[in-house]
Each structure stands twice: as structure tokens, then as C-alpha cells.
Amino acid sequence: MKILLANPRGFCAGVNMAIECLDEALRICGPEIYVYHEIVHNKYVVENFTAQGVTFVNDLDEVPHGAFLLYSAHGVSPELREHAASRNLRTIDATCPLVTKVHLEAVRFAKQHYNIVLIGHEGHDEVIGTMGEAPESITLVETAEDVDQLEFPPGSKIAYLTQTTLSVSEANTVIERLRERFPHIESPPKEDICYATTNRQEAVSTLAPQTDVVLVLGSQNSSNSKRLAEIAAGMGKPSHLIDGAKEIDPSWFTGSETVLITAGASAPEVVVEQCIDRLVADYDATVEVMTIREENVQFQLPKELRVLQAAER
């Protein structure tokens, strides 16, 4: 068996920053740390922090007054920030800066009295946070068919934004339909789908045709990981989204000579290495790293955490 190992894969700058935030918060404050929702959508990462004493909550009323609370990489709404303040929670904001960018765009368009169409997946943490910035102004759509149902008064100002982890091709399909129906629709100055999502999708699209089977490391609730598996499947390749080596099914590789391995932006490299180790042990696999694009993006830790670090000195 030959393994083609996609590069780039795995952690993006936003996930790296969020995980470093929680690591540092644990080091400085001890294990009495609470996180609103999962820090990132990955089972391995969440279980690792839970084992260290971190508590993940879906309701701020579960957090004791005055405790440390970390916002996940997906961002939160202003309403939730106000609720945290009312409970005197000591918050650390690990929201990905690229998600914050979308929030700021939503606020700007809303202040200018635009009707905002948000392209995204209903119920996703990022979408909930973005819609919370301007709930009276935002309408969520997922598909081109949803666009056909939109109705705005004549002469309305309309703009669109997107969730950062969408399939580029699917988002473009929706955007094209929006432009057909609303030729004067405004777009963000720079596209919202993040660089890491785009790059990982490009790597799968480029490499999948050279392989027989595609393994995507990532959790089922990870939007960007699911998009990678869907892209490979859409190209006619058997594609499997898994959390780790224990989920590998030998029947997937019957008659297969080449396997593509990649990882979503919230999947740690350790789970990739464990899958490679299993395939090397079971199939005497060789590994070839296939670099499609280089990434050198880094995000600064949030101000609240830097203040805590400075207090140590």
C-alpha cells in the first residue's frame, strides 16, 4: 500500500491559537476552567482537555459566578457575552480572528441597514454566533433552493456573508444564485471562507484522483472535516471520516493500492500519525508527503490571556 499524505492538513492558525489559549489558561489558572461549547470540534482534543479537568458547558448558568470562562474558536453572540458579564465571569476570548471578521462585517452591514444573507449550516456554533450579532437583519440560507424562497422589499440593500468552513464549490453555487436573483447584492471585501478550509479542500481535490480510498481525520460535528470527505466522495472515491485509527475497517482497502490521508482543521497530528502507523504495520505501507500549498499563518493570543501572562512576570 502507498499512502499519499496531504499537506496542508490538520490544525489551522485559529485552532492552534484556541488550543494554546486553553493550554495557557490551564497552566496559569489551574483546572477550574470552563469552556463554552467545545473548544474546537474534535473528540480527541475535547477528551484530552476533559481529562485535565476542563469543564465544557452548553449553558452559562452551569458556570459558577466569577469563574474563568473561555469562548471557543467558533465565537459567541453579544447576548452571551452580556450574560457572562452579568455572572462576573472572567472571560478569555479564543474566537478565531477570521470568525471575528465575519461578525464585524455583519455589524457593519446591519448598521448600514442592509438585509444580510448568511450562507451556512443551521445550528452550527459559528452560525449561531454570527446571527447573534444582528438577528433582526440576518437570514440564513444553506442551498441555492433556499435563495429562491427569499423575498425582500423593492429597493432593499442586500449583502451576503458566509460561514468560514463551507465547501468552496457549494458556497459559490449559492452565491451565483444570489447574484442572479439580486444583481446588486454586496459581498464582503474579502471572502469569508478561511484560507485553511480552502487549502485543505484544494489538496483533496488535487490528490483524490490519484488514490483508491480517502481517509479524513476529523469528528462528525466538524464542518470543515465533513466537507473534505464529501469532496472526495463527490469525485467517486470511497471516503471515510474517522476520529482515529481504532475506527479503521480493513474491508475499506480490499483491492486498494493507494490511500489518501488528510485531516480537518481541528484534527491533531497525533491521530494522523496513529493511522499511518496502523497502515504501515498492517499493510507495510509507504508514505509520500504531497504538498499542494504552504501555510505560514499565525494568530496572536487574545489580550485577556496576555494580561494573565504578564501578571506572572
C-alpha atoms as a PDB file:
ATOM      1  CA  MET A   1       0.000   0.000   0.000  1.00  0.00           C
ATOM      2  CA  LYS A   2       1.072   3.545  -0.727  1.00  0.00           C
ATOM      3  CA  ILE A   3      -0.108   6.453   1.426  1.00  0.00           C
ATOM      4  CA  LEU A   4      -0.333   9.911  -0.066  1.00  0.00           C
ATOM      5  CA  LEU A   5      -0.227  12.293   2.907  1.00  0.00           C
ATOM      6  CA  ALA A   6      -1.910  15.585   2.051  1.00  0.00           C
ATOM      7  CA  ASN A   7      -0.216  18.828   3.007  1.00  0.00           C
ATOM      8  CA  PRO A   8      -1.640  21.155   4.210  1.00  0.00           C
ATOM      9  CA  ARG A   9      -3.801  19.188   6.641  1.00  0.00           C
ATOM     10  CA  GLY A  10      -4.819  19.375  10.269  1.00  0.00           C
ATOM     11  CA  PHE A  11      -4.667  22.332  12.620  1.00  0.00           C
ATOM     12  CA  CYS A  12      -5.174  25.809  11.182  1.00  0.00           C
ATOM     13  CA  ALA A  13      -3.933  29.014  12.825  1.00  0.00           C
ATOM     14  CA  GLY A  14      -7.274  29.626  14.560  1.00  0.00           C
ATOM     15  CA  VAL A  15      -7.354  26.152  16.094  1.00  0.00           C
ATOM     16  CA  ASN A  16      -3.699  26.410  17.128  1.00  0.00           C
ATOM     17  CA  MET A  17      -4.453  29.713  18.852  1.00  0.00           C
ATOM     18  CA  ALA A  18      -7.564  28.384  20.642  1.00  0.00           C
ATOM     19  CA  ILE A  19      -5.774  25.281  21.914  1.00  0.00           C
ATOM     20  CA  GLU A  20      -2.749  27.311  23.039  1.00  0.00           C
ATOM     21  CA  CYS A  21      -5.197  29.609  24.867  1.00  0.00           C
ATOM     22  CA  LEU A  22      -6.675  26.727  26.798  1.00  0.00           C
ATOM     23  CA  ASP A  23      -3.264  25.199  27.498  1.00  0.00           C
ATOM     24  CA  GLU A  24      -2.018  28.513  28.905  1.00  0.00           C
ATOM     25  CA  ALA A  25      -5.214  29.116  30.885  1.00  0.00           C
ATOM     26  CA  LEU A  26      -4.799  25.682  32.472  1.00  0.00           C
ATOM     27  CA  ARG A  27      -1.174  26.401  33.309  1.00  0.00           C
ATOM     28  CA  ILE A  28      -1.867  29.811  34.844  1.00  0.00           C
ATOM     29  CA  CYS A  29      -5.280  29.311  36.461  1.00  0.00           C
ATOM     30  CA  GLY A  30      -5.377  25.607  37.231  1.00  0.00           C
ATOM     31  CA  PRO A  31      -8.052  23.111  36.163  1.00  0.00           C
ATOM     32  CA  GLU A  32     -11.056  25.179  37.286  1.00  0.00           C
ATOM     33  CA  ILE A  33     -11.547  26.381  33.711  1.00  0.00           C
ATOM     34  CA  TYR A  34     -14.866  26.355  31.861  1.00  0.00           C
ATOM     35  CA  VAL A  35     -15.281  26.454  28.088  1.00  0.00           C
ATOM     36  CA  TYR A  36     -18.489  27.445  26.335  1.00  0.00           C
ATOM     37  CA  HIS A  37     -19.144  24.605  23.868  1.00  0.00           C
ATOM     38  CA  GLU A  38     -16.257  22.506  22.551  1.00  0.00           C
ATOM     39  CA  ILE A  39     -13.017  24.470  22.209  1.00  0.00           C
ATOM     40  CA  VAL A  40     -12.816  23.034  18.673  1.00  0.00           C
ATOM     41  CA  HIS A  41     -14.971  20.349  17.071  1.00  0.00           C
ATOM     42  CA  ASN A  42     -12.710  17.381  17.696  1.00  0.00           C
ATOM     43  CA  LYS A  43     -13.359  14.430  20.004  1.00  0.00           C
ATOM     44  CA  TYR A  44      -9.665  13.722  20.737  1.00  0.00           C
ATOM     45  CA  VAL A  45      -8.945  17.349  21.696  1.00  0.00           C
ATOM     46  CA  VAL A  46     -12.030  17.696  23.891  1.00  0.00           C
ATOM     47  CA  GLU A  47     -11.413  14.402  25.693  1.00  0.00           C
ATOM     48  CA  ASN A  48      -7.774  15.353  26.302  1.00  0.00           C
ATOM     49  CA  PHE A  49      -8.745  18.642  27.967  1.00  0.00           C
ATOM     50  CA  THR A  50     -11.572  16.996  29.927  1.00  0.00           C
ATOM     51  CA  ALA A  51      -9.031  14.559  31.361  1.00  0.00           C
ATOM     52  CA  GLN A  52      -7.046  17.585  32.595  1.00  0.00           C
ATOM     53  CA  GLY A  53     -10.056  18.953  34.463  1.00  0.00           C
ATOM     54  CA  VAL A  54     -11.546  21.382  31.961  1.00  0.00           C
ATOM     55  CA  THR A  55     -15.360  21.576  32.010  1.00  0.00           C
ATOM     56  CA  PHE A  56     -17.208  22.133  28.729  1.00  0.00           C
ATOM     57  CA  VAL A  57     -20.678  23.649  29.096  1.00  0.00           C
ATOM     58  CA  ASN A  58     -23.592  24.471  26.815  1.00  0.00           C
ATOM     59  CA  ASP A  59     -25.289  26.777  29.322  1.00  0.00           C
ATOM     60  CA  LEU A  60     -23.548  29.635  31.134  1.00  0.00           C
ATOM     61  CA  ASP A  61     -25.735  29.037  34.190  1.00  0.00           C
ATOM     62  CA  GLU A  62     -23.623  25.908  34.723  1.00  0.00           C
ATOM     63  CA  VAL A  63     -20.559  28.123  35.325  1.00  0.00           C
ATOM     64  CA  PRO A  64     -20.020  29.349  38.919  1.00  0.00           C
ATOM     65  CA  HIS A  65     -20.107  33.125  39.443  1.00  0.00           C
ATOM     66  CA  GLY A  66     -16.670  34.663  38.991  1.00  0.00           C
ATOM     67  CA  ALA A  67     -15.119  31.595  37.341  1.00  0.00           C
ATOM     68  CA  PHE A  68     -12.801  31.582  34.322  1.00  0.00           C
ATOM     69  CA  LEU A  69     -14.679  31.032  31.061  1.00  0.00           C
ATOM     70  CA  LEU A  70     -13.086  30.552  27.677  1.00  0.00           C
ATOM     71  CA  TYR A  71     -15.048  31.182  24.462  1.00  0.00           C
ATOM     72  CA  SER A  72     -14.410  28.562  21.786  1.00  0.00           C
ATOM     73  CA  ALA A  73     -12.835  29.163  18.392  1.00  0.00           C
ATOM     74  CA  HIS A  74     -16.310  29.370  16.809  1.00  0.00           C
ATOM     75  CA  GLY A  75     -17.272  32.627  18.515  1.00  0.00           C
ATOM     76  CA  VAL A  76     -20.332  33.684  20.526  1.00  0.00           C
ATOM     77  CA  SER A  77     -23.117  36.245  20.287  1.00  0.00           C
ATOM     78  CA  PRO A  78     -23.227  39.629  22.085  1.00  0.00           C
ATOM     79  CA  GLU A  79     -26.155  38.315  24.135  1.00  0.00           C
ATOM     80  CA  LEU A  80     -23.989  35.529  25.518  1.00  0.00           C
ATOM     81  CA  ARG A  81     -21.176  37.977  26.330  1.00  0.00           C
ATOM     82  CA  GLU A  82     -23.672  40.094  28.287  1.00  0.00           C
ATOM     83  CA  HIS A  83     -24.871  37.020  30.168  1.00  0.00           C
ATOM     84  CA  ALA A  84     -21.266  36.163  31.075  1.00  0.00           C
ATOM     85  CA  ALA A  85     -20.710  39.712  32.336  1.00  0.00           C
ATOM     86  CA  SER A  86     -23.854  39.519  34.482  1.00  0.00           C
ATOM     87  CA  ARG A  87     -22.354  36.476  36.227  1.00  0.00           C
ATOM     88  CA  ASN A  88     -18.975  38.246  36.681  1.00  0.00           C
ATOM     89  CA  LEU A  89     -17.233  35.544  34.682  1.00  0.00           C
ATOM     90  CA  ARG A  90     -13.573  36.112  33.872  1.00  0.00           C
ATOM     91  CA  THR A  91     -13.653  35.531  30.126  1.00  0.00           C
ATOM     92  CA  ILE A  92     -10.905  34.682  27.666  1.00  0.00           C
ATOM     93  CA  ASP A  93     -11.950  35.035  24.036  1.00  0.00           C
ATOM     94  CA  ALA A  94     -10.411  32.319  21.843  1.00  0.00           C
ATOM     95  CA  THR A  95     -12.620  33.158  18.847  1.00  0.00           C
ATOM     96  CA  CYS A  96     -10.760  32.653  15.567  1.00  0.00           C
ATOM     97  CA  PRO A  97      -9.917  36.098  14.116  1.00  0.00           C
ATOM     98  CA  LEU A  98     -11.384  35.003  10.783  1.00  0.00           C
ATOM     99  CA  VAL A  99     -14.714  34.338  12.507  1.00  0.00           C
ATOM    100  CA  THR A 100     -14.456  37.711  14.260  1.00  0.00           C
ATOM    101  CA  LYS A 101     -14.007  39.266  10.814  1.00  0.00           C
ATOM    102  CA  VAL A 102     -17.389  37.864   9.737  1.00  0.00           C
ATOM    103  CA  HIS A 103     -19.003  39.156  12.958  1.00  0.00           C
ATOM    104  CA  LEU A 104     -17.660  42.651  12.309  1.00  0.00           C
ATOM    105  CA  GLU A 105     -18.919  42.546   8.723  1.00  0.00           C
ATOM    106  CA  ALA A 106     -22.381  41.573   9.994  1.00  0.00           C
ATOM    107  CA  VAL A 107     -22.403  44.511  12.408  1.00  0.00           C
ATOM    108  CA  ARG A 108     -21.209  46.927   9.710  1.00  0.00           C
ATOM    109  CA  PHE A 109     -23.810  45.840   7.154  1.00  0.00           C
ATOM    110  CA  ALA A 110     -26.570  45.901   9.784  1.00  0.00           C
ATOM    111  CA  LYS A 111     -25.682  49.455  10.841  1.00  0.00           C
ATOM    112  CA  GLN A 112     -25.973  50.466   7.193  1.00  0.00           C
ATOM    113  CA  HIS A 113     -29.472  48.911   7.090  1.00  0.00           C
ATOM    114  CA  TYR A 114     -28.640  46.003   4.795  1.00  0.00           C
ATOM    115  CA  ASN A 115     -30.622  42.789   4.664  1.00  0.00           C
ATOM    116  CA  ILE A 116     -27.874  40.223   5.286  1.00  0.00           C
ATOM    117  CA  VAL A 117     -27.985  36.742   3.777  1.00  0.00           C
ATOM    118  CA  LEU A 118     -25.743  34.369   5.725  1.00  0.00           C
ATOM    119  CA  ILE A 119     -24.709  31.213   3.865  1.00  0.00           C
ATOM    120  CA  GLY A 120     -24.128  28.480   6.421  1.00  0.00           C
ATOM    121  CA  HIS A 121     -25.366  25.433   8.284  1.00  0.00           C
ATOM    122  CA  GLU A 122     -28.236  25.882  10.712  1.00  0.00           C
ATOM    123  CA  GLY A 123     -27.287  25.067  14.291  1.00  0.00           C
ATOM    124  CA  HIS A 124     -23.524  25.320  13.787  1.00  0.00           C
ATOM    125  CA  ASP A 125     -21.851  27.200  16.670  1.00  0.00           C
ATOM    126  CA  GLU A 126     -20.254  29.709  14.299  1.00  0.00           C
ATOM    127  CA  VAL A 127     -23.552  30.465  12.565  1.00  0.00           C
ATOM    128  CA  ILE A 128     -25.343  30.948  15.898  1.00  0.00           C
ATOM    129  CA  GLY A 129     -22.706  33.443  16.999  1.00  0.00           C
ATOM    130  CA  THR A 130     -22.754  35.375  13.729  1.00  0.00           C
ATOM    131  CA  MET A 131     -26.539  35.604  13.602  1.00  0.00           C
ATOM    132  CA  GLY A 132     -26.495  36.844  17.174  1.00  0.00           C
ATOM    133  CA  GLU A 133     -24.600  39.954  16.082  1.00  0.00           C
ATOM    134  CA  ALA A 134     -27.590  41.260  14.098  1.00  0.00           C
ATOM    135  CA  PRO A 135     -30.547  38.886  14.490  1.00  0.00           C
ATOM    136  CA  GLU A 136     -33.090  41.307  13.019  1.00  0.00           C
ATOM    137  CA  SER A 137     -31.024  41.768   9.851  1.00  0.00           C
ATOM    138  CA  ILE A 138     -29.763  38.256   9.014  1.00  0.00           C
ATOM    139  CA  THR A 139     -31.467  35.485   7.053  1.00  0.00           C
ATOM    140  CA  LEU A 140     -29.766  32.069   6.915  1.00  0.00           C
ATOM    141  CA  VAL A 141     -29.622  30.029   3.703  1.00  0.00           C
ATOM    142  CA  GLU A 142     -27.936  26.680   3.087  1.00  0.00           C
ATOM    143  CA  THR A 143     -28.684  25.933  -0.573  1.00  0.00           C
ATOM    144  CA  ALA A 144     -29.462  27.605  -3.875  1.00  0.00           C
ATOM    145  CA  GLU A 145     -33.058  26.421  -3.416  1.00  0.00           C
ATOM    146  CA  ASP A 146     -33.228  28.405  -0.165  1.00  0.00           C
ATOM    147  CA  VAL A 147     -32.234  31.501  -2.134  1.00  0.00           C
ATOM    148  CA  ASP A 148     -35.281  31.040  -4.360  1.00  0.00           C
ATOM    149  CA  GLN A 149     -37.503  31.480  -1.292  1.00  0.00           C
ATOM    150  CA  LEU A 150     -36.013  34.847  -0.283  1.00  0.00           C
ATOM    151  CA  GLU A 151     -38.194  37.925  -0.546  1.00  0.00           C
ATOM    152  CA  PHE A 152     -37.055  41.465   0.176  1.00  0.00           C
ATOM    153  CA  PRO A 153     -38.931  44.763  -0.373  1.00  0.00           C
ATOM    154  CA  PRO A 154     -38.131  46.562  -3.659  1.00  0.00           C
ATOM    155  CA  GLY A 155     -35.094  48.796  -3.365  1.00  0.00           C
ATOM    156  CA  SER A 156     -33.705  46.920  -0.337  1.00  0.00           C
ATOM    157  CA  LYS A 157     -29.980  46.918   0.271  1.00  0.00           C
ATOM    158  CA  ILE A 158     -28.761  43.301   0.383  1.00  0.00           C
ATOM    159  CA  ALA A 159     -25.401  41.764   1.304  1.00  0.00           C
ATOM    160  CA  TYR A 160     -24.170  38.232   1.868  1.00  0.00           C
ATOM    161  CA  LEU A 161     -21.695  36.637   4.273  1.00  0.00           C
ATOM    162  CA  THR A 162     -20.574  33.023   4.633  1.00  0.00           C
ATOM    163  CA  GLN A 163     -19.644  30.595   7.372  1.00  0.00           C
ATOM    164  CA  THR A 164     -15.855  30.196   7.303  1.00  0.00           C
ATOM    165  CA  THR A 165     -15.816  26.383   6.957  1.00  0.00           C
ATOM    166  CA  LEU A 166     -18.067  25.782   3.957  1.00  0.00           C
ATOM    167  CA  SER A 167     -17.319  23.845   0.796  1.00  0.00           C
ATOM    168  CA  VAL A 168     -15.959  26.449  -1.587  1.00  0.00           C
ATOM    169  CA  SER A 169     -17.798  24.992  -4.581  1.00  0.00           C
ATOM    170  CA  GLU A 170     -21.131  24.695  -2.749  1.00  0.00           C
ATOM    171  CA  ALA A 171     -20.830  28.227  -1.380  1.00  0.00           C
ATOM    172  CA  ASN A 172     -20.103  29.510  -4.894  1.00  0.00           C
ATOM    173  CA  THR A 173     -23.244  27.786  -6.177  1.00  0.00           C
ATOM    174  CA  VAL A 174     -25.332  29.646  -3.593  1.00  0.00           C
ATOM    175  CA  ILE A 175     -23.528  32.939  -4.288  1.00  0.00           C
ATOM    176  CA  GLU A 176     -24.169  32.588  -8.024  1.00  0.00           C
ATOM    177  CA  ARG A 177     -27.889  32.106  -7.345  1.00  0.00           C
ATOM    178  CA  LEU A 178     -27.887  35.136  -5.061  1.00  0.00           C
ATOM    179  CA  ARG A 179     -26.283  37.254  -7.772  1.00  0.00           C
ATOM    180  CA  GLU A 180     -28.828  36.012 -10.310  1.00  0.00           C
ATOM    181  CA  ARG A 181     -31.761  36.966  -8.084  1.00  0.00           C
ATOM    182  CA  PHE A 182     -30.230  40.123  -6.589  1.00  0.00           C
ATOM    183  CA  PRO A 183     -27.734  41.592  -9.109  1.00  0.00           C
ATOM    184  CA  HIS A 184     -26.819  44.483  -6.808  1.00  0.00           C
ATOM    185  CA  ILE A 185     -26.055  42.305  -3.774  1.00  0.00           C
ATOM    186  CA  GLU A 186     -22.958  43.387  -1.844  1.00  0.00           C
ATOM    187  CA  SER A 187     -20.199  40.985  -0.813  1.00  0.00           C
ATOM    188  CA  PRO A 188     -17.563  41.196   1.939  1.00  0.00           C
ATOM    189  CA  PRO A 189     -14.335  42.961   0.886  1.00  0.00           C
ATOM    190  CA  LYS A 190     -12.507  39.634   1.193  1.00  0.00           C
ATOM    191  CA  GLU A 191     -14.157  36.202   1.041  1.00  0.00           C
ATOM    192  CA  ASP A 192     -15.188  34.726   4.371  1.00  0.00           C
ATOM    193  CA  ILE A 193     -14.278  31.059   3.795  1.00  0.00           C
ATOM    194  CA  CYS A 194     -10.960  30.762   5.578  1.00  0.00           C
ATOM    195  CA  TYR A 195      -7.616  30.069   3.944  1.00  0.00           C
ATOM    196  CA  ALA A 196      -7.197  26.736   5.748  1.00  0.00           C
ATOM    197  CA  THR A 197     -10.590  25.432   4.658  1.00  0.00           C
ATOM    198  CA  THR A 198      -9.821  26.421   1.067  1.00  0.00           C
ATOM    199  CA  ASN A 199      -6.332  24.918   1.095  1.00  0.00           C
ATOM    200  CA  ARG A 200      -7.408  21.584   2.569  1.00  0.00           C
ATOM    201  CA  GLN A 201     -10.216  21.300   0.046  1.00  0.00           C
ATOM    202  CA  GLU A 202      -7.813  22.106  -2.779  1.00  0.00           C
ATOM    203  CA  ALA A 203      -5.434  19.376  -1.595  1.00  0.00           C
ATOM    204  CA  VAL A 204      -8.210  16.751  -1.574  1.00  0.00           C
ATOM    205  CA  SER A 205      -9.495  17.847  -4.977  1.00  0.00           C
ATOM    206  CA  THR A 206      -5.986  17.632  -6.419  1.00  0.00           C
ATOM    207  CA  LEU A 207      -4.880  14.360  -4.832  1.00  0.00           C
ATOM    208  CA  ALA A 208      -8.032  12.229  -4.612  1.00  0.00           C
ATOM    209  CA  PRO A 209      -7.977  11.298  -8.339  1.00  0.00           C
ATOM    210  CA  GLN A 210      -4.594   9.609  -7.750  1.00  0.00           C
ATOM    211  CA  THR A 211      -5.928   7.320  -4.997  1.00  0.00           C
ATOM    212  CA  ASP A 212      -8.322   4.425  -4.383  1.00  0.00           C
ATOM    213  CA  VAL A 213      -9.525   5.342  -0.877  1.00  0.00           C
ATOM    214  CA  VAL A 214      -9.608   8.598   1.131  1.00  0.00           C
ATOM    215  CA  LEU A 215      -9.313   8.799   4.923  1.00  0.00           C
ATOM    216  CA  VAL A 216     -10.233  12.124   6.540  1.00  0.00           C
ATOM    217  CA  LEU A 217      -9.252  12.529  10.171  1.00  0.00           C
ATOM    218  CA  GLY A 218     -11.860  14.602  11.975  1.00  0.00           C
ATOM    219  CA  SER A 219     -15.010  14.405  14.060  1.00  0.00           C
ATOM    220  CA  GLN A 220     -18.539  14.064  12.736  1.00  0.00           C
ATOM    221  CA  ASN A 221     -19.511  17.510  14.078  1.00  0.00           C
ATOM    222  CA  SER A 222     -16.590  19.217  12.343  1.00  0.00           C
ATOM    223  CA  SER A 223     -17.999  21.138   9.385  1.00  0.00           C
ATOM    224  CA  ASN A 224     -14.712  21.562   7.524  1.00  0.00           C
ATOM    225  CA  SER A 225     -13.782  17.880   8.030  1.00  0.00           C
ATOM    226  CA  LYS A 226     -17.139  16.730   6.664  1.00  0.00           C
ATOM    227  CA  ARG A 227     -16.636  18.929   3.604  1.00  0.00           C
ATOM    228  CA  LEU A 228     -13.322  17.160   2.852  1.00  0.00           C
ATOM    229  CA  ALA A 229     -14.991  13.742   2.968  1.00  0.00           C
ATOM    230  CA  GLU A 230     -17.858  14.998   0.806  1.00  0.00           C
ATOM    231  CA  ILE A 231     -15.490  16.399  -1.815  1.00  0.00           C
ATOM    232  CA  ALA A 232     -13.682  13.060  -2.145  1.00  0.00           C
ATOM    233  CA  ALA A 233     -16.977  11.152  -2.285  1.00  0.00           C
ATOM    234  CA  GLY A 234     -18.234  13.559  -4.930  1.00  0.00           C
ATOM    235  CA  MET A 235     -15.224  12.588  -7.046  1.00  0.00           C
ATOM    236  CA  GLY A 236     -16.267   8.932  -6.852  1.00  0.00           C
ATOM    237  CA  LYS A 237     -13.727   7.906  -4.217  1.00  0.00           C
ATOM    238  CA  PRO A 238     -14.671   5.805  -1.178  1.00  0.00           C
ATOM    239  CA  SER A 239     -14.263   8.336   1.628  1.00  0.00           C
ATOM    240  CA  HIS A 240     -14.268   7.778   5.387  1.00  0.00           C
ATOM    241  CA  LEU A 241     -14.419  10.457   8.111  1.00  0.00           C
ATOM    242  CA  ILE A 242     -12.909   8.985  11.275  1.00  0.00           C
ATOM    243  CA  ASP A 243     -11.662  10.189  14.663  1.00  0.00           C
ATOM    244  CA  GLY A 244      -8.709   7.830  14.749  1.00  0.00           C
ATOM    245  CA  ALA A 245      -7.018   4.543  13.920  1.00  0.00           C
ATOM    246  CA  LYS A 246      -9.449   2.460  16.008  1.00  0.00           C
ATOM    247  CA  GLU A 247     -12.215   3.233  13.517  1.00  0.00           C
ATOM    248  CA  ILE A 248     -10.318   1.888  10.503  1.00  0.00           C
ATOM    249  CA  ASP A 249     -12.106  -1.024   8.819  1.00  0.00           C
ATOM    250  CA  PRO A 250      -9.809  -3.391   6.868  1.00  0.00           C
ATOM    251  CA  SER A 251     -12.590  -4.048   4.344  1.00  0.00           C
ATOM    252  CA  TRP A 252     -12.117  -0.481   3.055  1.00  0.00           C
ATOM    253  CA  PHE A 253      -8.795  -1.453   1.487  1.00  0.00           C
ATOM    254  CA  THR A 254      -9.736  -4.588  -0.421  1.00  0.00           C
ATOM    255  CA  GLY A 255      -8.133  -4.209  -3.838  1.00  0.00           C
ATOM    256  CA  SER A 256      -6.780  -0.755  -2.934  1.00  0.00           C
ATOM    257  CA  GLU A 257      -3.191   0.191  -3.658  1.00  0.00           C
ATOM    258  CA  THR A 258      -3.147   3.919  -2.830  1.00  0.00           C
ATOM    259  CA  VAL A 259      -4.746   5.715   0.140  1.00  0.00           C
ATOM    260  CA  LEU A 260      -5.018   9.474   0.617  1.00  0.00           C
ATOM    261  CA  ILE A 261      -4.853  10.653   4.232  1.00  0.00           C
ATOM    262  CA  THR A 262      -5.797  14.178   5.224  1.00  0.00           C
ATOM    263  CA  ALA A 263      -7.185  15.882   8.335  1.00  0.00           C
ATOM    264  CA  GLY A 264      -9.677  18.613   9.041  1.00  0.00           C
ATOM    265  CA  ALA A 265      -8.564  21.911  10.548  1.00  0.00           C
ATOM    266  CA  SER A 266      -9.487  20.795  14.079  1.00  0.00           C
ATOM    267  CA  ALA A 267      -7.839  17.349  13.973  1.00  0.00           C
ATOM    268  CA  PRO A 268      -4.469  16.966  15.748  1.00  0.00           C
ATOM    269  CA  GLU A 269      -1.472  15.484  14.002  1.00  0.00           C
ATOM    270  CA  VAL A 270      -1.203  12.696  16.572  1.00  0.00           C
ATOM    271  CA  VAL A 271      -4.351  10.999  15.197  1.00  0.00           C
ATOM    272  CA  VAL A 272      -2.900  11.202  11.685  1.00  0.00           C
ATOM    273  CA  GLU A 273       0.321   9.573  12.867  1.00  0.00           C
ATOM    274  CA  GLN A 274      -1.592   6.795  14.616  1.00  0.00           C
ATOM    275  CA  CYS A 275      -3.481   5.984  11.402  1.00  0.00           C
ATOM    276  CA  ILE A 276      -0.283   5.936   9.396  1.00  0.00           C
ATOM    277  CA  ASP A 277       1.352   3.652  11.984  1.00  0.00           C
ATOM    278  CA  ARG A 278      -1.555   1.214  11.710  1.00  0.00           C
ATOM    279  CA  LEU A 279      -1.447   1.087   7.918  1.00  0.00           C
ATOM    280  CA  VAL A 280       2.338   0.654   7.968  1.00  0.00           C
ATOM    281  CA  ALA A 281       2.012  -2.198  10.472  1.00  0.00           C
ATOM    282  CA  ASP A 282      -0.916  -3.936   8.746  1.00  0.00           C
ATOM    283  CA  TYR A 283      -0.094  -3.327   5.078  1.00  0.00           C
ATOM    284  CA  ASP A 284       3.626  -2.490   5.000  1.00  0.00           C
ATOM    285  CA  ALA A 285       2.545   0.924   3.684  1.00  0.00           C
ATOM    286  CA  THR A 286       4.963   3.551   2.439  1.00  0.00           C
ATOM    287  CA  VAL A 287       4.291   7.284   2.853  1.00  0.00           C
ATOM    288  CA  GLU A 288       4.743  10.100   0.378  1.00  0.00           C
ATOM    289  CA  VAL A 289       4.016  13.663   1.539  1.00  0.00           C
ATOM    290  CA  MET A 290       2.206  15.639  -1.160  1.00  0.00           C
ATOM    291  CA  THR A 291       2.494  19.387  -0.591  1.00  0.00           C
ATOM    292  CA  ILE A 292      -0.060  21.413  -2.517  1.00  0.00           C
ATOM    293  CA  ARG A 293       0.367  24.746  -0.760  1.00  0.00           C
ATOM    294  CA  GLU A 294       2.497  26.177   2.060  1.00  0.00           C
ATOM    295  CA  GLU A 295       0.900  27.787   5.132  1.00  0.00           C
ATOM    296  CA  ASN A 296       2.628  30.245   7.468  1.00  0.00           C
ATOM    297  CA  VAL A 297      -0.291  31.946   9.220  1.00  0.00           C
ATOM    298  CA  GLN A 298      -0.141  32.604  12.967  1.00  0.00           C
ATOM    299  CA  PHE A 299      -2.575  34.414  15.275  1.00  0.00           C
ATOM    300  CA  GLN A 300      -1.660  36.276  18.460  1.00  0.00           C
ATOM    301  CA  LEU A 301      -3.104  35.081  21.751  1.00  0.00           C
ATOM    302  CA  PRO A 302      -6.051  37.204  22.951  1.00  0.00           C
ATOM    303  CA  LYS A 303      -5.466  40.256  25.133  1.00  0.00           C
ATOM    304  CA  GLU A 304      -7.082  38.722  28.229  1.00  0.00           C
ATOM    305  CA  LEU A 305      -4.608  35.853  28.214  1.00  0.00           C
ATOM    306  CA  ARG A 306      -1.626  38.111  27.553  1.00  0.00           C
ATOM    307  CA  VAL A 307      -2.624  40.145  30.621  1.00  0.00           C
ATOM    308  CA  LEU A 308      -2.629  36.962  32.721  1.00  0.00           C
ATOM    309  CA  GLN A 309       0.789  36.017  31.324  1.00  0.00           C
ATOM    310  CA  ALA A 310       2.175  39.462  32.122  1.00  0.00           C
ATOM    311  CA  ALA A 311       0.909  39.237  35.694  1.00  0.00           C
ATOM    312  CA  GLU A 312       3.146  36.194  36.194  1.00  0.00           C
ATOM    313  CA  ARG A 313       6.299  38.098  35.393  1.00  0.00           C
END
